[in-house]
Full PDB file with SEQRES, HELIX, SHEET, SSBOND, CRYST1, ORIGX, SCALE, CONECT and MASTER records, all heavy atoms in Angstrom:
SEQRES   1 A   37  GLN PRO ASP VAL ARG VAL GLY THR PHE ASP GLY ALA ILE          
SEQRES   2 A   37  VAL ALA ARG SER PHE LEU GLY TRP GLN LEU ALA GLY LEU          
SEQRES   3 A   37  ARG GLY LYS GLN VAL ARG ARG ALA GLU LEU GLU                  
HELIX    1 AA1 ALA A   24  LEU A   26  5                                   3    
CRYST1    1.000    1.000    1.000  90.00  90.00  90.00 P 1           1          
ORIGX1      1.000000  0.000000  0.000000        0.00000                         
ORIGX2      0.000000  1.000000  0.000000        0.00000                         
ORIGX3      0.000000  0.000000  1.000000        0.00000                         
SCALE1      1.000000  0.000000  0.000000        0.00000                         
SCALE2      0.000000  1.000000  0.000000        0.00000                         
SCALE3      0.000000  0.000000  1.000000        0.00000                         
ATOM      1  N   GLN A   1       0.824  -1.202   0.000  1.00  0.00           N  
ATOM      2  CA  GLN A   1       0.000   0.000   0.000  1.00  0.00           C  
ATOM      3  C   GLN A   1       0.868   1.265   0.000  1.00  0.00           C  
ATOM      4  O   GLN A   1       2.031   1.234   0.381  1.00  0.00           O  
ATOM      5  CB  GLN A   1      -0.933  -0.007   1.207  1.00  0.00           C  
ATOM      6  CG  GLN A   1      -1.925  -1.161   1.189  1.00  0.00           C  
ATOM      7  CD  GLN A   1      -2.787  -1.145  -0.058  1.00  0.00           C  
ATOM      8  OE1 GLN A   1      -3.517  -0.200  -0.315  1.00  0.00           O  
ATOM      9  NE2 GLN A   1      -2.697  -2.210  -0.855  1.00  0.00           N  
ATOM     10  N   PRO A   2       0.287   2.410  -0.419  1.00  0.00           N  
ATOM     11  CA  PRO A   2       1.095   3.625  -0.587  1.00  0.00           C  
ATOM     12  C   PRO A   2       1.340   4.413   0.681  1.00  0.00           C  
ATOM     13  O   PRO A   2       1.999   5.455   0.627  1.00  0.00           O  
ATOM     14  CB  PRO A   2       0.256   4.454  -1.572  1.00  0.00           C  
ATOM     15  CG  PRO A   2      -1.149   4.034  -1.318  1.00  0.00           C  
ATOM     16  CD  PRO A   2      -1.064   2.567  -0.991  1.00  0.00           C  
ATOM     17  N   ASP A   3       0.805   3.972   1.827  1.00  0.00           N  
ATOM     18  CA  ASP A   3       0.998   4.757   3.043  1.00  0.00           C  
ATOM     19  C   ASP A   3       1.227   3.838   4.235  1.00  0.00           C  
ATOM     20  O   ASP A   3       0.939   2.644   4.207  1.00  0.00           O  
ATOM     21  CB  ASP A   3      -0.215   5.654   3.311  1.00  0.00           C  
ATOM     22  CG  ASP A   3      -1.491   4.861   3.587  1.00  0.00           C  
ATOM     23  OD1 ASP A   3      -1.658   4.406   4.736  1.00  0.00           O  
ATOM     24  OD2 ASP A   3      -2.308   4.678   2.668  1.00  0.00           O  
ATOM     25  N   VAL A   4       1.791   4.441   5.288  1.00  0.00           N  
ATOM     26  CA  VAL A   4       1.769   3.864   6.621  1.00  0.00           C  
ATOM     27  C   VAL A   4       0.942   4.806   7.481  1.00  0.00           C  
ATOM     28  O   VAL A   4       0.894   6.008   7.223  1.00  0.00           O  
ATOM     29  CB  VAL A   4       3.186   3.662   7.195  1.00  0.00           C  
ATOM     30  CG1 VAL A   4       3.891   2.531   6.471  1.00  0.00           C  
ATOM     31  CG2 VAL A   4       4.018   4.939   7.113  1.00  0.00           C  
ATOM     32  N   ARG A   5       0.273   4.273   8.503  1.00  0.00           N  
ATOM     33  CA  ARG A   5      -0.738   5.064   9.203  1.00  0.00           C  
ATOM     34  C   ARG A   5      -0.839   4.656  10.667  1.00  0.00           C  
ATOM     35  O   ARG A   5      -0.453   3.544  11.040  1.00  0.00           O  
ATOM     36  CB  ARG A   5      -2.104   4.878   8.531  1.00  0.00           C  
ATOM     37  CG  ARG A   5      -2.518   3.413   8.426  1.00  0.00           C  
ATOM     38  CD  ARG A   5      -3.837   3.194   7.717  1.00  0.00           C  
ATOM     39  NE  ARG A   5      -3.805   3.546   6.299  1.00  0.00           N  
ATOM     40  CZ  ARG A   5      -4.835   3.362   5.476  1.00  0.00           C  
ATOM     41  NH1 ARG A   5      -5.976   2.865   5.934  1.00  0.00           N  
ATOM     42  NH2 ARG A   5      -4.741   3.690   4.202  1.00  0.00           N  
ATOM     43  N   VAL A   6      -1.357   5.580  11.479  1.00  0.00           N  
ATOM     44  CA  VAL A   6      -1.588   5.287  12.894  1.00  0.00           C  
ATOM     45  C   VAL A   6      -2.904   5.915  13.328  1.00  0.00           C  
ATOM     46  O   VAL A   6      -3.384   6.878  12.722  1.00  0.00           O  
ATOM     47  CB  VAL A   6      -0.452   5.822  13.805  1.00  0.00           C  
ATOM     48  CG1 VAL A   6       0.874   5.178  13.464  1.00  0.00           C  
ATOM     49  CG2 VAL A   6      -0.364   7.342  13.752  1.00  0.00           C  
ATOM     50  N   GLY A   7      -3.485   5.354  14.405  1.00  0.00           N  
ATOM     51  CA  GLY A   7      -4.663   5.942  15.014  1.00  0.00           C  
ATOM     52  C   GLY A   7      -5.956   5.365  14.497  1.00  0.00           C  
ATOM     53  O   GLY A   7      -6.007   4.252  13.977  1.00  0.00           O  
ATOM     54  N   THR A   8      -7.004   6.148  14.638  1.00  0.00           N  
ATOM     55  CA  THR A   8      -8.344   5.717  14.257  1.00  0.00           C  
ATOM     56  C   THR A   8      -9.065   6.841  13.534  1.00  0.00           C  
ATOM     57  O   THR A   8      -8.909   8.016  13.886  1.00  0.00           O  
ATOM     58  CB  THR A   8      -9.169   5.305  15.495  1.00  0.00           C  
ATOM     59  OG1 THR A   8     -10.479   4.903  15.099  1.00  0.00           O  
ATOM     60  CG2 THR A   8      -9.280   6.437  16.508  1.00  0.00           C  
ATOM     61  N   PHE A   9      -9.845   6.490  12.533  1.00  0.00           N  
ATOM     62  CA  PHE A   9     -10.632   7.484  11.797  1.00  0.00           C  
ATOM     63  C   PHE A   9     -12.088   7.488  12.227  1.00  0.00           C  
ATOM     64  O   PHE A   9     -12.860   8.357  11.808  1.00  0.00           O  
ATOM     65  CB  PHE A   9     -10.536   7.250  10.288  1.00  0.00           C  
ATOM     66  CG  PHE A   9     -10.975   5.883   9.848  1.00  0.00           C  
ATOM     67  CD1 PHE A   9     -12.314   5.589   9.634  1.00  0.00           C  
ATOM     68  CD2 PHE A   9     -10.028   4.885   9.651  1.00  0.00           C  
ATOM     69  CE1 PHE A   9     -12.707   4.324   9.242  1.00  0.00           C  
ATOM     70  CE2 PHE A   9     -10.418   3.610   9.261  1.00  0.00           C  
ATOM     71  CZ  PHE A   9     -11.764   3.326   9.060  1.00  0.00           C  
ATOM     72  N   ASP A  10     -12.487   6.529  13.077  1.00  0.00           N  
ATOM     73  CA  ASP A  10     -13.884   6.448  13.491  1.00  0.00           C  
ATOM     74  C   ASP A  10     -14.061   6.137  14.973  1.00  0.00           C  
ATOM     75  O   ASP A  10     -15.175   5.931  15.432  1.00  0.00           O  
ATOM     76  CB  ASP A  10     -14.617   5.392  12.659  1.00  0.00           C  
ATOM     77  CG  ASP A  10     -14.098   3.971  12.893  1.00  0.00           C  
ATOM     78  OD1 ASP A  10     -13.108   3.804  13.636  1.00  0.00           O  
ATOM     79  OD2 ASP A  10     -14.687   3.028  12.326  1.00  0.00           O  
ATOM     80  N   GLY A  11     -12.969   6.114  15.728  1.00  0.00           N  
ATOM     81  CA  GLY A  11     -13.037   5.811  17.145  1.00  0.00           C  
ATOM     82  C   GLY A  11     -13.078   4.338  17.475  1.00  0.00           C  
ATOM     83  O   GLY A  11     -13.093   3.964  18.655  1.00  0.00           O  
ATOM     84  N   ALA A  12     -13.089   3.476  16.452  1.00  0.00           N  
ATOM     85  CA  ALA A  12     -13.182   2.033  16.687  1.00  0.00           C  
ATOM     86  C   ALA A  12     -12.081   1.264  15.963  1.00  0.00           C  
ATOM     87  O   ALA A  12     -11.362   0.464  16.560  1.00  0.00           O  
ATOM     88  CB  ALA A  12     -14.555   1.516  16.258  1.00  0.00           C  
ATOM     89  N   ILE A  13     -11.939   1.484  14.651  1.00  0.00           N  
ATOM     90  CA  ILE A  13     -10.918   0.799  13.858  1.00  0.00           C  
ATOM     91  C   ILE A  13      -9.562   1.449  14.124  1.00  0.00           C  
ATOM     92  O   ILE A  13      -9.425   2.670  14.051  1.00  0.00           O  
ATOM     93  CB  ILE A  13     -11.274   0.858  12.366  1.00  0.00           C  
ATOM     94  CG1 ILE A  13     -12.553   0.073  12.094  1.00  0.00           C  
ATOM     95  CG2 ILE A  13     -10.121   0.332  11.515  1.00  0.00           C  
ATOM     96  CD1 ILE A  13     -13.092   0.254  10.689  1.00  0.00           C  
ATOM     97  N   VAL A  14      -8.557   0.644  14.421  1.00  0.00           N  
ATOM     98  CA  VAL A  14      -7.232   1.141  14.812  1.00  0.00           C  
ATOM     99  C   VAL A  14      -6.179   0.673  13.820  1.00  0.00           C  
ATOM    100  O   VAL A  14      -6.188  -0.488  13.386  1.00  0.00           O  
ATOM    101  CB  VAL A  14      -6.861   0.654  16.231  1.00  0.00           C  
ATOM    102  CG1 VAL A  14      -5.436   1.052  16.583  1.00  0.00           C  
ATOM    103  CG2 VAL A  14      -7.848   1.220  17.250  1.00  0.00           C  
ATOM    104  N   ALA A  15      -5.257   1.577  13.471  1.00  0.00           N  
ATOM    105  CA  ALA A  15      -4.129   1.248  12.588  1.00  0.00           C  
ATOM    106  C   ALA A  15      -2.805   1.474  13.314  1.00  0.00           C  
ATOM    107  O   ALA A  15      -2.677   2.382  14.137  1.00  0.00           O  
ATOM    108  CB  ALA A  15      -4.178   2.100  11.321  1.00  0.00           C  
ATOM    109  N   ARG A  16      -1.846   0.624  12.988  1.00  0.00           N  
ATOM    110  CA  ARG A  16      -0.461   0.760  13.447  1.00  0.00           C  
ATOM    111  C   ARG A  16       0.442   0.470  12.251  1.00  0.00           C  
ATOM    112  O   ARG A  16      -0.005  -0.105  11.268  1.00  0.00           O  
ATOM    113  CB  ARG A  16      -0.164  -0.226  14.576  1.00  0.00           C  
ATOM    114  CG  ARG A  16      -1.041  -0.065  15.806  1.00  0.00           C  
ATOM    115  CD  ARG A  16      -0.852  -1.213  16.773  1.00  0.00           C  
ATOM    116  NE  ARG A  16      -1.695  -1.069  17.962  1.00  0.00           N  
ATOM    117  CZ  ARG A  16      -1.886  -2.028  18.851  1.00  0.00           C  
ATOM    118  NH1 ARG A  16      -1.287  -3.218  18.686  1.00  0.00           N  
ATOM    119  NH2 ARG A  16      -2.659  -1.817  19.905  1.00  0.00           N  
ATOM    120  N   SER A  17       1.704   0.831  12.361  1.00  0.00           N  
ATOM    121  CA  SER A  17       2.612   0.631  11.223  1.00  0.00           C  
ATOM    122  C   SER A  17       3.967   0.115  11.680  1.00  0.00           C  
ATOM    123  O   SER A  17       4.354   0.275  12.841  1.00  0.00           O  
ATOM    124  CB  SER A  17       2.791   1.946  10.451  1.00  0.00           C  
ATOM    125  OG  SER A  17       1.593   2.306   9.795  1.00  0.00           O  
ATOM    126  N   PHE A  18       4.675  -0.496  10.710  1.00  0.00           N  
ATOM    127  CA  PHE A  18       5.990  -1.068  10.976  1.00  0.00           C  
ATOM    128  C   PHE A  18       6.964  -0.661   9.878  1.00  0.00           C  
ATOM    129  O   PHE A  18       6.609  -0.628   8.696  1.00  0.00           O  
ATOM    130  CB  PHE A  18       5.911  -2.590  11.053  1.00  0.00           C  
ATOM    131  CG  PHE A  18       5.030  -3.091  12.161  1.00  0.00           C  
ATOM    132  CD1 PHE A  18       3.688  -3.388  11.934  1.00  0.00           C  
ATOM    133  CD2 PHE A  18       5.536  -3.239  13.444  1.00  0.00           C  
ATOM    134  CE1 PHE A  18       2.874  -3.831  12.957  1.00  0.00           C  
ATOM    135  CE2 PHE A  18       4.723  -3.683  14.482  1.00  0.00           C  
ATOM    136  CZ  PHE A  18       3.387  -3.979  14.239  1.00  0.00           C  
ATOM    137  N   LEU A  19       8.207  -0.357  10.285  1.00  0.00           N  
ATOM    138  CA  LEU A  19       9.281  -0.001   9.362  1.00  0.00           C  
ATOM    139  C   LEU A  19      10.472  -0.901   9.635  1.00  0.00           C  
ATOM    140  O   LEU A  19      10.810  -1.169  10.792  1.00  0.00           O  
ATOM    141  CB  LEU A  19       9.702   1.463   9.557  1.00  0.00           C  
ATOM    142  CG  LEU A  19       8.596   2.516   9.576  1.00  0.00           C  
ATOM    143  CD1 LEU A  19       9.189   3.891   9.911  1.00  0.00           C  
ATOM    144  CD2 LEU A  19       7.877   2.569   8.240  1.00  0.00           C  
ATOM    145  N   GLY A  20      11.124  -1.370   8.569  1.00  0.00           N  
ATOM    146  CA  GLY A  20      12.308  -2.214   8.716  1.00  0.00           C  
ATOM    147  C   GLY A  20      13.525  -1.561   8.083  1.00  0.00           C  
ATOM    148  O   GLY A  20      13.414  -0.880   7.055  1.00  0.00           O  
ATOM    149  N   TRP A  21      14.692  -1.803   8.668  1.00  0.00           N  
ATOM    150  CA  TRP A  21      15.918  -1.145   8.211  1.00  0.00           C  
ATOM    151  C   TRP A  21      17.037  -2.165   8.031  1.00  0.00           C  
ATOM    152  O   TRP A  21      17.265  -3.001   8.903  1.00  0.00           O  
ATOM    153  CB  TRP A  21      16.355  -0.074   9.226  1.00  0.00           C  
ATOM    154  CG  TRP A  21      15.240   0.853   9.564  1.00  0.00           C  
ATOM    155  CD1 TRP A  21      14.432   0.795  10.666  1.00  0.00           C  
ATOM    156  CD2 TRP A  21      14.759   1.945   8.770  1.00  0.00           C  
ATOM    157  NE1 TRP A  21      13.496   1.788  10.607  1.00  0.00           N  
ATOM    158  CE2 TRP A  21      13.666   2.514   9.467  1.00  0.00           C  
ATOM    159  CE3 TRP A  21      15.158   2.494   7.546  1.00  0.00           C  
ATOM    160  CZ2 TRP A  21      12.963   3.601   8.965  1.00  0.00           C  
ATOM    161  CZ3 TRP A  21      14.457   3.578   7.055  1.00  0.00           C  
ATOM    162  CH2 TRP A  21      13.373   4.120   7.761  1.00  0.00           C  
ATOM    163  N   GLN A  22      17.728  -2.070   6.898  1.00  0.00           N  
ATOM    164  CA  GLN A  22      18.876  -2.926   6.616  1.00  0.00           C  
ATOM    165  C   GLN A  22      20.119  -2.238   7.170  1.00  0.00           C  
ATOM    166  O   GLN A  22      20.560  -1.211   6.641  1.00  0.00           O  
ATOM    167  CB  GLN A  22      18.970  -3.179   5.118  1.00  0.00           C  
ATOM    168  CG  GLN A  22      17.743  -3.901   4.571  1.00  0.00           C  
ATOM    169  CD  GLN A  22      17.796  -4.147   3.083  1.00  0.00           C  
ATOM    170  OE1 GLN A  22      18.570  -3.525   2.352  1.00  0.00           O  
ATOM    171  NE2 GLN A  22      16.973  -5.057   2.599  1.00  0.00           N  
ATOM    172  N   LEU A  23      20.715  -2.801   8.224  1.00  0.00           N  
ATOM    173  CA  LEU A  23      21.682  -2.089   9.054  1.00  0.00           C  
ATOM    174  C   LEU A  23      23.133  -2.489   8.839  1.00  0.00           C  
ATOM    175  O   LEU A  23      24.003  -2.023   9.575  1.00  0.00           O  
ATOM    176  CB  LEU A  23      21.331  -2.307  10.536  1.00  0.00           C  
ATOM    177  CG  LEU A  23      19.937  -1.826  10.971  1.00  0.00           C  
ATOM    178  CD1 LEU A  23      19.685  -2.251  12.408  1.00  0.00           C  
ATOM    179  CD2 LEU A  23      19.821  -0.322  10.824  1.00  0.00           C  
ATOM    180  N   ALA A  24      23.426  -3.317   7.855  1.00  0.00           N  
ATOM    181  CA  ALA A  24      24.797  -3.805   7.696  1.00  0.00           C  
ATOM    182  C   ALA A  24      25.796  -2.662   7.570  1.00  0.00           C  
ATOM    183  O   ALA A  24      26.931  -2.754   8.052  1.00  0.00           O  
ATOM    184  CB  ALA A  24      24.885  -4.723   6.478  1.00  0.00           C  
ATOM    185  N   GLY A  25      25.404  -1.563   6.940  1.00  0.00           N  
ATOM    186  CA  GLY A  25      26.321  -0.433   6.745  1.00  0.00           C  
ATOM    187  C   GLY A  25      26.646   0.324   8.012  1.00  0.00           C  
ATOM    188  O   GLY A  25      27.542   1.184   8.003  1.00  0.00           O  
ATOM    189  N   LEU A  26      25.961   0.037   9.108  1.00  0.00           N  
ATOM    190  CA  LEU A  26      26.221   0.734  10.373  1.00  0.00           C  
ATOM    191  C   LEU A  26      27.024  -0.102  11.366  1.00  0.00           C  
ATOM    192  O   LEU A  26      27.399   0.400  12.427  1.00  0.00           O  
ATOM    193  CB  LEU A  26      24.894   1.125  11.036  1.00  0.00           C  
ATOM    194  CG  LEU A  26      24.151   2.301  10.423  1.00  0.00           C  
ATOM    195  CD1 LEU A  26      22.822   2.497  11.136  1.00  0.00           C  
ATOM    196  CD2 LEU A  26      24.982   3.576  10.522  1.00  0.00           C  
ATOM    197  N   ARG A  27      27.295  -1.337  11.018  1.00  0.00           N  
ATOM    198  CA  ARG A  27      27.947  -2.230  11.968  1.00  0.00           C  
ATOM    199  C   ARG A  27      29.288  -1.661  12.430  1.00  0.00           C  
ATOM    200  O   ARG A  27      30.165  -1.357  11.621  1.00  0.00           O  
ATOM    201  CB  ARG A  27      28.140  -3.600  11.344  1.00  0.00           C  
ATOM    202  CG  ARG A  27      28.609  -4.673  12.306  1.00  0.00           C  
ATOM    203  CD  ARG A  27      28.671  -6.018  11.593  1.00  0.00           C  
ATOM    204  NE  ARG A  27      27.353  -6.382  11.057  1.00  0.00           N  
ATOM    205  CZ  ARG A  27      27.190  -7.305  10.109  1.00  0.00           C  
ATOM    206  NH1 ARG A  27      28.238  -7.923   9.594  1.00  0.00           N  
ATOM    207  NH2 ARG A  27      25.969  -7.587   9.690  1.00  0.00           N  
ATOM    208  N   GLY A  28      29.435  -1.483  13.741  1.00  0.00           N  
ATOM    209  CA  GLY A  28      30.683  -1.007  14.310  1.00  0.00           C  
ATOM    210  C   GLY A  28      30.910   0.493  14.208  1.00  0.00           C  
ATOM    211  O   GLY A  28      31.948   0.990  14.666  1.00  0.00           O  
ATOM    212  N   LYS A  29      29.957   1.233  13.650  1.00  0.00           N  
ATOM    213  CA  LYS A  29      30.129   2.678  13.510  1.00  0.00           C  
ATOM    214  C   LYS A  29      29.817   3.387  14.827  1.00  0.00           C  
ATOM    215  O   LYS A  29      29.021   2.914  15.641  1.00  0.00           O  
ATOM    216  CB  LYS A  29      29.207   3.231  12.412  1.00  0.00           C  
ATOM    217  CG  LYS A  29      29.430   2.601  11.037  1.00  0.00           C  
ATOM    218  CD  LYS A  29      30.810   2.912  10.497  1.00  0.00           C  
ATOM    219  CE  LYS A  29      30.946   2.562   9.016  1.00  0.00           C  
ATOM    220  NZ  LYS A  29      30.834   1.115   8.756  1.00  0.00           N  
ATOM    221  N   GLN A  30      30.445   4.549  15.036  1.00  0.00           N  
ATOM    222  CA  GLN A  30      30.200   5.367  16.217  1.00  0.00           C  
ATOM    223  C   GLN A  30      29.111   6.382  15.872  1.00  0.00           C  
ATOM    224  O   GLN A  30      29.370   7.415  15.263  1.00  0.00           O  
ATOM    225  CB  GLN A  30      31.483   6.071  16.652  1.00  0.00           C  
ATOM    226  CG  GLN A  30      32.604   5.117  17.034  1.00  0.00           C  
ATOM    227  CD  GLN A  30      33.901   5.845  17.360  1.00  0.00           C  
ATOM    228  OE1 GLN A  30      33.915   7.055  17.570  1.00  0.00           O  
ATOM    229  NE2 GLN A  30      34.994   5.096  17.405  1.00  0.00           N  
ATOM    230  N   VAL A  31      27.902   6.068  16.244  1.00  0.00           N  
ATOM    231  CA  VAL A  31      26.749   6.882  15.857  1.00  0.00           C  
ATOM    232  C   VAL A  31      26.699   8.160  16.687  1.00  0.00           C  
ATOM    233  O   VAL A  31      26.708   8.126  17.920  1.00  0.00           O  
ATOM    234  CB  VAL A  31      25.445   6.083  16.041  1.00  0.00           C  
ATOM    235  CG1 VAL A  31      24.222   6.959  15.771  1.00  0.00           C  
ATOM    236  CG2 VAL A  31      25.440   4.871  15.111  1.00  0.00           C  
ATOM    237  N   ARG A  32      26.656   9.288  15.985  1.00  0.00           N  
ATOM    238  CA  ARG A  32      26.553  10.588  16.645  1.00  0.00           C  
ATOM    239  C   ARG A  32      25.109  11.066  16.740  1.00  0.00           C  
ATOM    240  O   ARG A  32      24.727  11.691  17.726  1.00  0.00           O  
ATOM    241  CB  ARG A  32      27.393  11.627  15.889  1.00  0.00           C  
ATOM    242  CG  ARG A  32      28.880  11.384  16.035  1.00  0.00           C  
ATOM    243  CD  ARG A  32      29.722  12.258  15.131  1.00  0.00           C  
ATOM    244  NE  ARG A  32      29.306  13.650  15.090  1.00  0.00           N  
ATOM    245  CZ  ARG A  32      29.954  14.592  14.408  1.00  0.00           C  
ATOM    246  NH1 ARG A  32      31.043  14.275  13.719  1.00  0.00           N  
ATOM    247  NH2 ARG A  32      29.517  15.840  14.409  1.00  0.00           N  
ATOM    248  N   ARG A  33      24.331  10.824  15.706  1.00  0.00           N  
ATOM    249  CA  ARG A  33      22.926  11.245  15.725  1.00  0.00           C  
ATOM    250  C   ARG A  33      22.141  10.403  14.725  1.00  0.00           C  
ATOM    251  O   ARG A  33      22.664  10.036  13.662  1.00  0.00           O  
ATOM    252  CB  ARG A  33      22.789  12.729  15.362  1.00  0.00           C  
ATOM    253  CG  ARG A  33      21.319  13.209  15.338  1.00  0.00           C  
ATOM    254  CD  ARG A  33      21.199  14.690  15.035  1.00  0.00           C  
ATOM    255  NE  ARG A  33      19.813  15.083  14.843  1.00  0.00           N  
ATOM    256  CZ  ARG A  33      18.942  15.339  15.814  1.00  0.00           C  
ATOM    257  NH1 ARG A  33      19.345  15.266  17.077  1.00  0.00           N  
ATOM    258  NH2 ARG A  33      17.693  15.686  15.556  1.00  0.00           N  
ATOM    259  N   ALA A  34      20.904  10.089  15.063  1.00  0.00           N  
ATOM    260  CA  ALA A  34      20.022   9.364  14.152  1.00  0.00           C  
ATOM    261  C   ALA A  34      18.630   9.957  14.249  1.00  0.00           C  
ATOM    262  O   ALA A  34      18.145  10.270  15.342  1.00  0.00           O  
ATOM    263  CB  ALA A  34      19.996   7.873  14.489  1.00  0.00           C  
ATOM    264  N   GLU A  35      17.995  10.114  13.100  1.00  0.00           N  
ATOM    265  CA  GLU A  35      16.651  10.687  13.065  1.00  0.00           C  
ATOM    266  C   GLU A  35      15.787   9.935  12.069  1.00  0.00           C  
ATOM    267  O   GLU A  35      16.203   9.690  10.935  1.00  0.00           O  
ATOM    268  CB  GLU A  35      16.704  12.169  12.690  1.00  0.00           C  
ATOM    269  CG  GLU A  35      15.339  12.843  12.683  1.00  0.00           C  
ATOM    270  CD  GLU A  35      15.413  14.345  12.480  1.00  0.00           C  
ATOM    271  OE1 GLU A  35      15.670  15.066  13.476  1.00  0.00           O  
ATOM    272  OE2 GLU A  35      15.239  14.812  11.335  1.00  0.00           O  
ATOM    273  N   LEU A  36      14.586   9.574  12.496  1.00  0.00           N  
ATOM    274  CA  LEU A  36      13.587   9.002  11.605  1.00  0.00           C  
ATOM    275  C   LEU A  36      12.833  10.146  10.941  1.00  0.00           C  
ATOM    276  O   LEU A  36      12.377  11.075  11.613  1.00  0.00           O  
ATOM    277  CB  LEU A  36      12.609   8.133  12.410  1.00  0.00           C  
ATOM    278  CG  LEU A  36      11.374   7.625  11.662  1.00  0.00           C  
ATOM    279  CD1 LEU A  36      11.766   6.649  10.560  1.00  0.00           C  
ATOM    280  CD2 LEU A  36      10.397   6.989  12.641  1.00  0.00           C  
ATOM    281  N   GLU A  37      12.677  10.079   9.609  1.00  0.00           N  
ATOM    282  CA  GLU A  37      11.996  11.131   8.871  1.00  0.00           C  
ATOM    283  C   GLU A  37      10.867  10.521   8.043  1.00  0.00           C  
ATOM    284  O   GLU A  37      11.078   9.559   7.294  1.00  0.00           O  
ATOM    285  CB  GLU A  37      12.975  11.902   7.988  1.00  0.00           C  
ATOM    286  CG  GLU A  37      14.048  12.605   8.812  1.00  0.00           C  
ATOM    287  CD  GLU A  37      14.866  13.594   8.011  1.00  0.00           C  
ATOM    288  OE1 GLU A  37      14.830  13.515   6.768  1.00  0.00           O  
ATOM    289  OE2 GLU A  37      15.531  14.443   8.631  1.00  0.00           O  
TER     290      GLU A  37                                                      
MASTER        0    0    0    1    0    0    0    6  289    1    0    3          
END                                                                             
């Protein structure tokens, strides 16, 4: 589907979402800052 979503549009039906990340490029790195956008 074209979107990820959270909450309810009618007070009854609830949506949640999941995101996955391929992290091999970060292995052993000294992370200074990370932000989800």
